[in-house]
PDB file of all heavy atoms in Angstrom:
ATOM      1  N   THR A   1      57.661  -9.488 -21.320  1.00  0.00           N
ATOM      2  CA  THR A   1      56.358  -9.653 -21.957  1.00  0.00           C
ATOM      3  C   THR A   1      56.482 -10.425 -23.266  1.00  0.00           C
ATOM      4  O   THR A   1      55.703 -11.341 -23.543  1.00  0.00           O
ATOM      5  CB  THR A   1      55.715  -8.284 -22.205  1.00  0.00           C
ATOM      6  OG1 THR A   1      55.539  -7.606 -20.961  1.00  0.00           O
ATOM      7  CG2 THR A   1      54.364  -8.430 -22.893  1.00  0.00           C
ATOM      8  N   LEU A   2      57.453 -10.048 -24.072  1.00  0.00           N
ATOM      9  CA  LEU A   2      57.637 -10.723 -25.357  1.00  0.00           C
ATOM     10  C   LEU A   2      57.988 -12.191 -25.180  1.00  0.00           C
ATOM     11  O   LEU A   2      57.499 -13.058 -25.920  1.00  0.00           O
ATOM     12  CB  LEU A   2      58.727 -10.019 -26.158  1.00  0.00           C
ATOM     13  CG  LEU A   2      58.347  -8.644 -26.729  1.00  0.00           C
ATOM     14  CD1 LEU A   2      59.576  -7.935 -27.277  1.00  0.00           C
ATOM     15  CD2 LEU A   2      57.282  -8.791 -27.814  1.00  0.00           C
ATOM     16  N   SER A   3      58.817 -12.500 -24.193  1.00  0.00           N
ATOM     17  CA  SER A   3      59.198 -13.901 -23.983  1.00  0.00           C
ATOM     18  C   SER A   3      57.994 -14.732 -23.544  1.00  0.00           C
ATOM     19  O   SER A   3      57.802 -15.853 -24.025  1.00  0.00           O
ATOM     20  CB  SER A   3      60.317 -13.994 -22.935  1.00  0.00           C
ATOM     21  OG  SER A   3      59.888 -13.514 -21.670  1.00  0.00           O
ATOM     22  N   ALA A   4      57.182 -14.180 -22.643  1.00  0.00           N
ATOM     23  CA  ALA A   4      55.996 -14.912 -22.176  1.00  0.00           C
ATOM     24  C   ALA A   4      54.964 -15.057 -23.281  1.00  0.00           C
ATOM     25  O   ALA A   4      54.330 -16.115 -23.430  1.00  0.00           O
ATOM     26  CB  ALA A   4      55.386 -14.195 -20.975  1.00  0.00           C
ATOM     27  N   LEU A   5      54.781 -14.005 -24.073  1.00  0.00           N
ATOM     28  CA  LEU A   5      53.800 -14.065 -25.158  1.00  0.00           C
ATOM     29  C   LEU A   5      54.231 -15.072 -26.213  1.00  0.00           C
ATOM     30  O   LEU A   5      53.414 -15.876 -26.699  1.00  0.00           O
ATOM     31  CB  LEU A   5      53.627 -12.678 -25.784  1.00  0.00           C
ATOM     32  CG  LEU A   5      52.631 -12.580 -26.936  1.00  0.00           C
ATOM     33  CD1 LEU A   5      51.244 -12.995 -26.485  1.00  0.00           C
ATOM     34  CD2 LEU A   5      52.614 -11.166 -27.510  1.00  0.00           C
ATOM     35  N   GLU A   6      55.496 -15.064 -26.590  1.00  0.00           N
ATOM     36  CA  GLU A   6      55.975 -16.010 -27.594  1.00  0.00           C
ATOM     37  C   GLU A   6      55.787 -17.452 -27.122  1.00  0.00           C
ATOM     38  O   GLU A   6      55.344 -18.319 -27.891  1.00  0.00           O
ATOM     39  CB  GLU A   6      57.442 -15.754 -27.908  1.00  0.00           C
ATOM     40  CG  GLU A   6      57.998 -16.691 -28.983  1.00  0.00           C
ATOM     41  CD  GLU A   6      59.442 -16.402 -29.336  1.00  0.00           C
ATOM     42  OE1 GLU A   6      60.098 -15.628 -28.629  1.00  0.00           O
ATOM     43  OE2 GLU A   6      59.916 -16.959 -30.349  1.00  0.00           O
ATOM     44  N   ALA A   7      56.118 -17.728 -25.864  1.00  0.00           N
ATOM     45  CA  ALA A   7      55.964 -19.082 -25.341  1.00  0.00           C
ATOM     46  C   ALA A   7      54.496 -19.502 -25.321  1.00  0.00           C
ATOM     47  O   ALA A   7      54.156 -20.650 -25.618  1.00  0.00           O
ATOM     48  CB  ALA A   7      56.558 -19.161 -23.930  1.00  0.00           C
ATOM     49  N   THR A   8      53.612 -18.566 -24.986  1.00  0.00           N
ATOM     50  CA  THR A   8      52.177 -18.866 -24.966  1.00  0.00           C
ATOM     51  C   THR A   8      51.659 -19.144 -26.367  1.00  0.00           C
ATOM     52  O   THR A   8      50.913 -20.103 -26.593  1.00  0.00           O
ATOM     53  CB  THR A   8      51.399 -17.688 -24.341  1.00  0.00           C
ATOM     54  OG1 THR A   8      51.901 -17.414 -23.033  1.00  0.00           O
ATOM     55  CG2 THR A   8      49.920 -18.013 -24.244  1.00  0.00           C
ATOM     56  N   LEU A   9      52.048 -18.308 -27.316  1.00  0.00           N
ATOM     57  CA  LEU A   9      51.599 -18.495 -28.697  1.00  0.00           C
ATOM     58  C   LEU A   9      52.087 -19.824 -29.262  1.00  0.00           C
ATOM     59  O   LEU A   9      51.368 -20.494 -30.018  1.00  0.00           O
ATOM     60  CB  LEU A   9      52.103 -17.348 -29.573  1.00  0.00           C
ATOM     61  CG  LEU A   9      51.510 -15.962 -29.285  1.00  0.00           C
ATOM     62  CD1 LEU A   9      52.251 -14.892 -30.070  1.00  0.00           C
ATOM     63  CD2 LEU A   9      50.016 -15.937 -29.624  1.00  0.00           C
ATOM     64  N   ARG A  10      53.296 -20.221 -28.886  1.00  0.00           N
ATOM     65  CA  ARG A  10      53.847 -21.477 -29.405  1.00  0.00           C
ATOM     66  C   ARG A  10      52.999 -22.682 -28.971  1.00  0.00           C
ATOM     67  O   ARG A  10      52.883 -23.668 -29.712  1.00  0.00           O
ATOM     68  CB  ARG A  10      55.292 -21.635 -28.942  1.00  0.00           C
ATOM     69  CG  ARG A  10      56.105 -22.616 -29.791  1.00  0.00           C
ATOM     70  CD  ARG A  10      57.581 -22.526 -29.461  1.00  0.00           C
ATOM     71  NE  ARG A  10      58.143 -21.219 -29.785  1.00  0.00           N
ATOM     72  CZ  ARG A  10      58.456 -20.833 -31.011  1.00  0.00           C
ATOM     73  NH1 ARG A  10      58.277 -21.649 -32.030  1.00  0.00           N
ATOM     74  NH2 ARG A  10      58.975 -19.633 -31.225  1.00  0.00           N
ATOM     75  N   ILE A  11      52.405 -22.602 -27.798  1.00  0.00           N
ATOM     76  CA  ILE A  11      51.545 -23.695 -27.329  1.00  0.00           C
ATOM     77  C   ILE A  11      50.343 -23.847 -28.247  1.00  0.00           C
ATOM     78  O   ILE A  11      49.850 -24.959 -28.483  1.00  0.00           O
ATOM     79  CB  ILE A  11      51.087 -23.428 -25.878  1.00  0.00           C
ATOM     80  CG1 ILE A  11      52.289 -23.358 -24.936  1.00  0.00           C
ATOM     81  CG2 ILE A  11      50.128 -24.520 -25.404  1.00  0.00           C
ATOM     82  CD1 ILE A  11      51.936 -22.956 -23.515  1.00  0.00           C
ATOM     83  N   TYR A  12      49.852 -22.733 -28.801  1.00  0.00           N
ATOM     84  CA  TYR A  12      48.664 -22.771 -29.660  1.00  0.00           C
ATOM     85  C   TYR A  12      48.893 -23.510 -30.976  1.00  0.00           C
ATOM     86  O   TYR A  12      47.921 -23.816 -31.689  1.00  0.00           O
ATOM     87  CB  TYR A  12      48.180 -21.351 -29.950  1.00  0.00           C
ATOM     88  CG  TYR A  12      47.300 -20.774 -28.867  1.00  0.00           C
ATOM     89  CD1 TYR A  12      47.815 -19.887 -27.934  1.00  0.00           C
ATOM     90  CD2 TYR A  12      45.954 -21.123 -28.771  1.00  0.00           C
ATOM     91  CE1 TYR A  12      47.020 -19.350 -26.934  1.00  0.00           C
ATOM     92  CE2 TYR A  12      45.146 -20.591 -27.781  1.00  0.00           C
ATOM     93  CZ  TYR A  12      45.683 -19.704 -26.863  1.00  0.00           C
ATOM     94  OH  TYR A  12      44.884 -19.193 -25.878  1.00  0.00           O
ATOM     95  N   LEU A  13      50.124 -23.794 -31.317  1.00  0.00           N
ATOM     96  CA  LEU A  13      50.387 -24.568 -32.528  1.00  0.00           C
ATOM     97  C   LEU A  13      49.789 -25.969 -32.411  1.00  0.00           C
ATOM     98  O   LEU A  13      49.552 -26.639 -33.418  1.00  0.00           O
ATOM     99  CB  LEU A  13      51.892 -24.647 -32.779  1.00  0.00           C
ATOM    100  CG  LEU A  13      52.588 -23.309 -33.087  1.00  0.00           C
ATOM    101  CD1 LEU A  13      54.095 -23.506 -33.190  1.00  0.00           C
ATOM    102  CD2 LEU A  13      52.035 -22.694 -34.370  1.00  0.00           C
ATOM    103  N   GLU A  14      49.556 -26.416 -31.178  1.00  0.00           N
ATOM    104  CA  GLU A  14      48.888 -27.692 -30.915  1.00  0.00           C
ATOM    105  C   GLU A  14      47.651 -27.402 -30.072  1.00  0.00           C
ATOM    106  O   GLU A  14      47.729 -27.342 -28.843  1.00  0.00           O
ATOM    107  CB  GLU A  14      49.814 -28.646 -30.167  1.00  0.00           C
ATOM    108  CG  GLU A  14      51.116 -28.954 -30.892  1.00  0.00           C
ATOM    109  CD  GLU A  14      52.046 -29.812 -30.050  1.00  0.00           C
ATOM    110  OE1 GLU A  14      51.724 -31.000 -29.845  1.00  0.00           O
ATOM    111  OE2 GLU A  14      53.073 -29.285 -29.579  1.00  0.00           O
ATOM    112  N   PRO A  15      46.488 -27.195 -30.688  1.00  0.00           N
ATOM    113  CA  PRO A  15      45.278 -26.776 -29.971  1.00  0.00           C
ATOM    114  C   PRO A  15      44.907 -27.667 -28.784  1.00  0.00           C
ATOM    115  O   PRO A  15      44.490 -27.161 -27.732  1.00  0.00           O
ATOM    116  CB  PRO A  15      44.201 -26.831 -31.061  1.00  0.00           C
ATOM    117  CG  PRO A  15      44.945 -26.569 -32.325  1.00  0.00           C
ATOM    118  CD  PRO A  15      46.266 -27.261 -32.150  1.00  0.00           C
ATOM    119  N   GLU A  16      45.050 -28.987 -28.931  1.00  0.00           N
ATOM    120  CA  GLU A  16      44.712 -29.873 -27.820  1.00  0.00           C
ATOM    121  C   GLU A  16      45.626 -29.631 -26.625  1.00  0.00           C
ATOM    122  O   GLU A  16      45.197 -29.701 -25.464  1.00  0.00           O
ATOM    123  CB  GLU A  16      44.808 -31.334 -28.269  1.00  0.00           C
ATOM    124  CG  GLU A  16      43.750 -31.717 -29.297  1.00  0.00           C
ATOM    125  CD  GLU A  16      43.844 -33.188 -29.683  1.00  0.00           C
ATOM    126  OE1 GLU A  16      44.729 -33.891 -29.137  1.00  0.00           O
ATOM    127  OE2 GLU A  16      43.027 -33.628 -30.501  1.00  0.00           O
ATOM    128  N   ARG A  17      46.878 -29.331 -26.899  1.00  0.00           N
ATOM    129  CA  ARG A  17      47.828 -29.017 -25.829  1.00  0.00           C
ATOM    130  C   ARG A  17      47.469 -27.683 -25.186  1.00  0.00           C
ATOM    131  O   ARG A  17      47.577 -27.510 -23.961  1.00  0.00           O
ATOM    132  CB  ARG A  17      49.238 -28.974 -26.399  1.00  0.00           C
ATOM    133  CG  ARG A  17      50.324 -28.646 -25.390  1.00  0.00           C
ATOM    134  CD  ARG A  17      51.674 -28.475 -26.058  1.00  0.00           C
ATOM    135  NE  ARG A  17      52.633 -27.829 -25.182  1.00  0.00           N
ATOM    136  CZ  ARG A  17      53.666 -27.117 -25.581  1.00  0.00           C
ATOM    137  NH1 ARG A  17      53.894 -26.963 -26.893  1.00  0.00           N
ATOM    138  NH2 ARG A  17      54.483 -26.556 -24.712  1.00  0.00           N
ATOM    139  N   ALA A  18      47.032 -26.718 -25.990  1.00  0.00           N
ATOM    140  CA  ALA A  18      46.693 -25.390 -25.474  1.00  0.00           C
ATOM    141  C   ALA A  18      45.573 -25.461 -24.450  1.00  0.00           C
ATOM    142  O   ALA A  18      45.627 -24.799 -23.409  1.00  0.00           O
ATOM    143  CB  ALA A  18      46.301 -24.471 -26.629  1.00  0.00           C
ATOM    144  N   VAL A  19      44.566 -26.268 -24.721  1.00  0.00           N
ATOM    145  CA  VAL A  19      43.434 -26.384 -23.804  1.00  0.00           C
ATOM    146  C   VAL A  19      43.873 -26.959 -22.461  1.00  0.00           C
ATOM    147  O   VAL A  19      43.300 -26.638 -21.418  1.00  0.00           O
ATOM    148  CB  VAL A  19      42.317 -27.249 -24.435  1.00  0.00           C
ATOM    149  CG1 VAL A  19      41.227 -27.556 -23.432  1.00  0.00           C
ATOM    150  CG2 VAL A  19      41.734 -26.540 -25.648  1.00  0.00           C
ATOM    151  N   LYS A  20      44.898 -27.770 -22.462  1.00  0.00           N
ATOM    152  CA  LYS A  20      45.371 -28.391 -21.227  1.00  0.00           C
ATOM    153  C   LYS A  20      46.410 -27.542 -20.491  1.00  0.00           C
ATOM    154  O   LYS A  20      46.428 -27.499 -19.263  1.00  0.00           O
ATOM    155  CB  LYS A  20      45.967 -29.765 -21.531  1.00  0.00           C
ATOM    156  CG  LYS A  20      44.970 -30.783 -22.069  1.00  0.00           C
ATOM    157  CD  LYS A  20      45.667 -32.094 -22.402  1.00  0.00           C
ATOM    158  CE  LYS A  20      44.689 -33.105 -22.976  1.00  0.00           C
ATOM    159  NZ  LYS A  20      45.375 -34.379 -23.352  1.00  0.00           N
ATOM    160  N   GLU A  21      47.285 -26.869 -21.235  1.00  0.00           N
ATOM    161  CA  GLU A  21      48.439 -26.222 -20.619  1.00  0.00           C
ATOM    162  C   GLU A  21      48.277 -24.727 -20.363  1.00  0.00           C
ATOM    163  O   GLU A  21      48.997 -24.175 -19.532  1.00  0.00           O
ATOM    164  CB  GLU A  21      49.689 -26.452 -21.482  1.00  0.00           C
ATOM    165  CG  GLU A  21      50.108 -27.913 -21.552  1.00  0.00           C
ATOM    166  CD  GLU A  21      51.434 -28.095 -22.264  1.00  0.00           C
ATOM    167  OE1 GLU A  21      52.170 -27.091 -22.432  1.00  0.00           O
ATOM    168  OE2 GLU A  21      51.742 -29.227 -22.662  1.00  0.00           O
ATOM    169  N   ILE A  22      47.369 -24.075 -21.059  1.00  0.00           N
ATOM    170  CA  ILE A  22      47.138 -22.656 -20.796  1.00  0.00           C
ATOM    171  C   ILE A  22      46.098 -22.564 -19.681  1.00  0.00           C
ATOM    172  O   ILE A  22      44.952 -22.990 -19.869  1.00  0.00           O
ATOM    173  CB  ILE A  22      46.682 -21.919 -22.066  1.00  0.00           C
ATOM    174  CG1 ILE A  22      47.825 -21.932 -23.089  1.00  0.00           C
ATOM    175  CG2 ILE A  22      46.254 -20.496 -21.754  1.00  0.00           C
ATOM    176  CD1 ILE A  22      47.502 -21.309 -24.407  1.00  0.00           C
ATOM    177  N   PRO A  23      46.480 -22.067 -18.508  1.00  0.00           N
ATOM    178  CA  PRO A  23      45.608 -22.138 -17.332  1.00  0.00           C
ATOM    179  C   PRO A  23      44.182 -21.635 -17.547  1.00  0.00           C
ATOM    180  O   PRO A  23      43.225 -22.280 -17.097  1.00  0.00           O
ATOM    181  CB  PRO A  23      46.362 -21.278 -16.302  1.00  0.00           C
ATOM    182  CG  PRO A  23      47.797 -21.443 -16.675  1.00  0.00           C
ATOM    183  CD  PRO A  23      47.801 -21.481 -18.181  1.00  0.00           C
ATOM    184  N   VAL A  24      44.020 -20.507 -18.226  1.00  0.00           N
ATOM    185  CA  VAL A  24      42.673 -19.975 -18.431  1.00  0.00           C
ATOM    186  C   VAL A  24      41.805 -20.961 -19.205  1.00  0.00           C
ATOM    187  O   VAL A  24      40.655 -21.227 -18.834  1.00  0.00           O
ATOM    188  CB  VAL A  24      42.739 -18.623 -19.177  1.00  0.00           C
ATOM    189  CG1 VAL A  24      41.354 -18.224 -19.685  1.00  0.00           C
ATOM    190  CG2 VAL A  24      43.292 -17.544 -18.266  1.00  0.00           C
ATOM    191  N   LEU A  25      42.348 -21.513 -20.275  1.00  0.00           N
ATOM    192  CA  LEU A  25      41.576 -22.469 -21.072  1.00  0.00           C
ATOM    193  C   LEU A  25      41.297 -23.737 -20.290  1.00  0.00           C
ATOM    194  O   LEU A  25      40.206 -24.315 -20.375  1.00  0.00           O
ATOM    195  CB  LEU A  25      42.326 -22.796 -22.369  1.00  0.00           C
ATOM    196  CG  LEU A  25      42.580 -21.621 -23.321  1.00  0.00           C
ATOM    197  CD1 LEU A  25      43.227 -22.116 -24.609  1.00  0.00           C
ATOM    198  CD2 LEU A  25      41.291 -20.876 -23.634  1.00  0.00           C
ATOM    199  N   ALA A  26      42.272 -24.191 -19.502  1.00  0.00           N
ATOM    200  CA  ALA A  26      42.072 -25.396 -18.697  1.00  0.00           C
ATOM    201  C   ALA A  26      40.964 -25.188 -17.676  1.00  0.00           C
ATOM    202  O   ALA A  26      40.126 -26.078 -17.461  1.00  0.00           O
ATOM    203  CB  ALA A  26      43.378 -25.779 -17.999  1.00  0.00           C
ATOM    204  N   MET A  27      40.930 -24.033 -17.036  1.00  0.00           N
ATOM    205  CA  MET A  27      39.898 -23.755 -16.041  1.00  0.00           C
ATOM    206  C   MET A  27      38.514 -23.637 -16.682  1.00  0.00           C
ATOM    207  O   MET A  27      37.522 -24.107 -16.130  1.00  0.00           O
ATOM    208  CB  MET A  27      40.243 -22.486 -15.268  1.00  0.00           C
ATOM    209  CG  MET A  27      41.394 -22.659 -14.291  1.00  0.00           C
ATOM    210  SD  MET A  27      41.691 -21.214 -13.242  1.00  0.00           S
ATOM    211  CE  MET A  27      42.649 -20.189 -14.359  1.00  0.00           C
ATOM    212  N   LEU A  28      38.451 -23.007 -17.859  1.00  0.00           N
ATOM    213  CA  LEU A  28      37.167 -22.803 -18.519  1.00  0.00           C
ATOM    214  C   LEU A  28      36.604 -24.087 -19.110  1.00  0.00           C
ATOM    215  O   LEU A  28      35.382 -24.243 -19.219  1.00  0.00           O
ATOM    216  CB  LEU A  28      37.296 -21.749 -19.614  1.00  0.00           C
ATOM    217  CG  LEU A  28      37.539 -20.310 -19.163  1.00  0.00           C
ATOM    218  CD1 LEU A  28      37.745 -19.403 -20.366  1.00  0.00           C
ATOM    219  CD2 LEU A  28      36.370 -19.812 -18.316  1.00  0.00           C
ATOM    220  N   THR A  29      37.471 -25.000 -19.505  1.00  0.00           N
ATOM    221  CA  THR A  29      37.001 -26.203 -20.209  1.00  0.00           C
ATOM    222  C   THR A  29      36.941 -27.451 -19.332  1.00  0.00           C
ATOM    223  O   THR A  29      36.511 -28.500 -19.802  1.00  0.00           O
ATOM    224  CB  THR A  29      37.913 -26.489 -21.418  1.00  0.00           C
ATOM    225  OG1 THR A  29      39.266 -26.709 -20.963  1.00  0.00           O
ATOM    226  CG2 THR A  29      37.895 -25.323 -22.393  1.00  0.00           C
ATOM    227  N   SER A  30      37.365 -27.370 -18.075  1.00  0.00           N
ATOM    228  CA  SER A  30      37.274 -28.537 -17.185  1.00  0.00           C
ATOM    229  C   SER A  30      35.816 -28.926 -16.995  1.00  0.00           C
ATOM    230  O   SER A  30      34.931 -28.062 -16.878  1.00  0.00           O
ATOM    231  CB  SER A  30      37.893 -28.223 -15.822  1.00  0.00           C
ATOM    232  OG  SER A  30      39.282 -28.045 -15.923  1.00  0.00           O
TER     233      SER A  30
END
């Protein structure tokens, strides 16, 4: 859980990348 959460949080350091690479955000914003 910690490894997955850390990797997910690291993506948020670049918001534009987060919208594309985090599946939930990509599905909601398509």
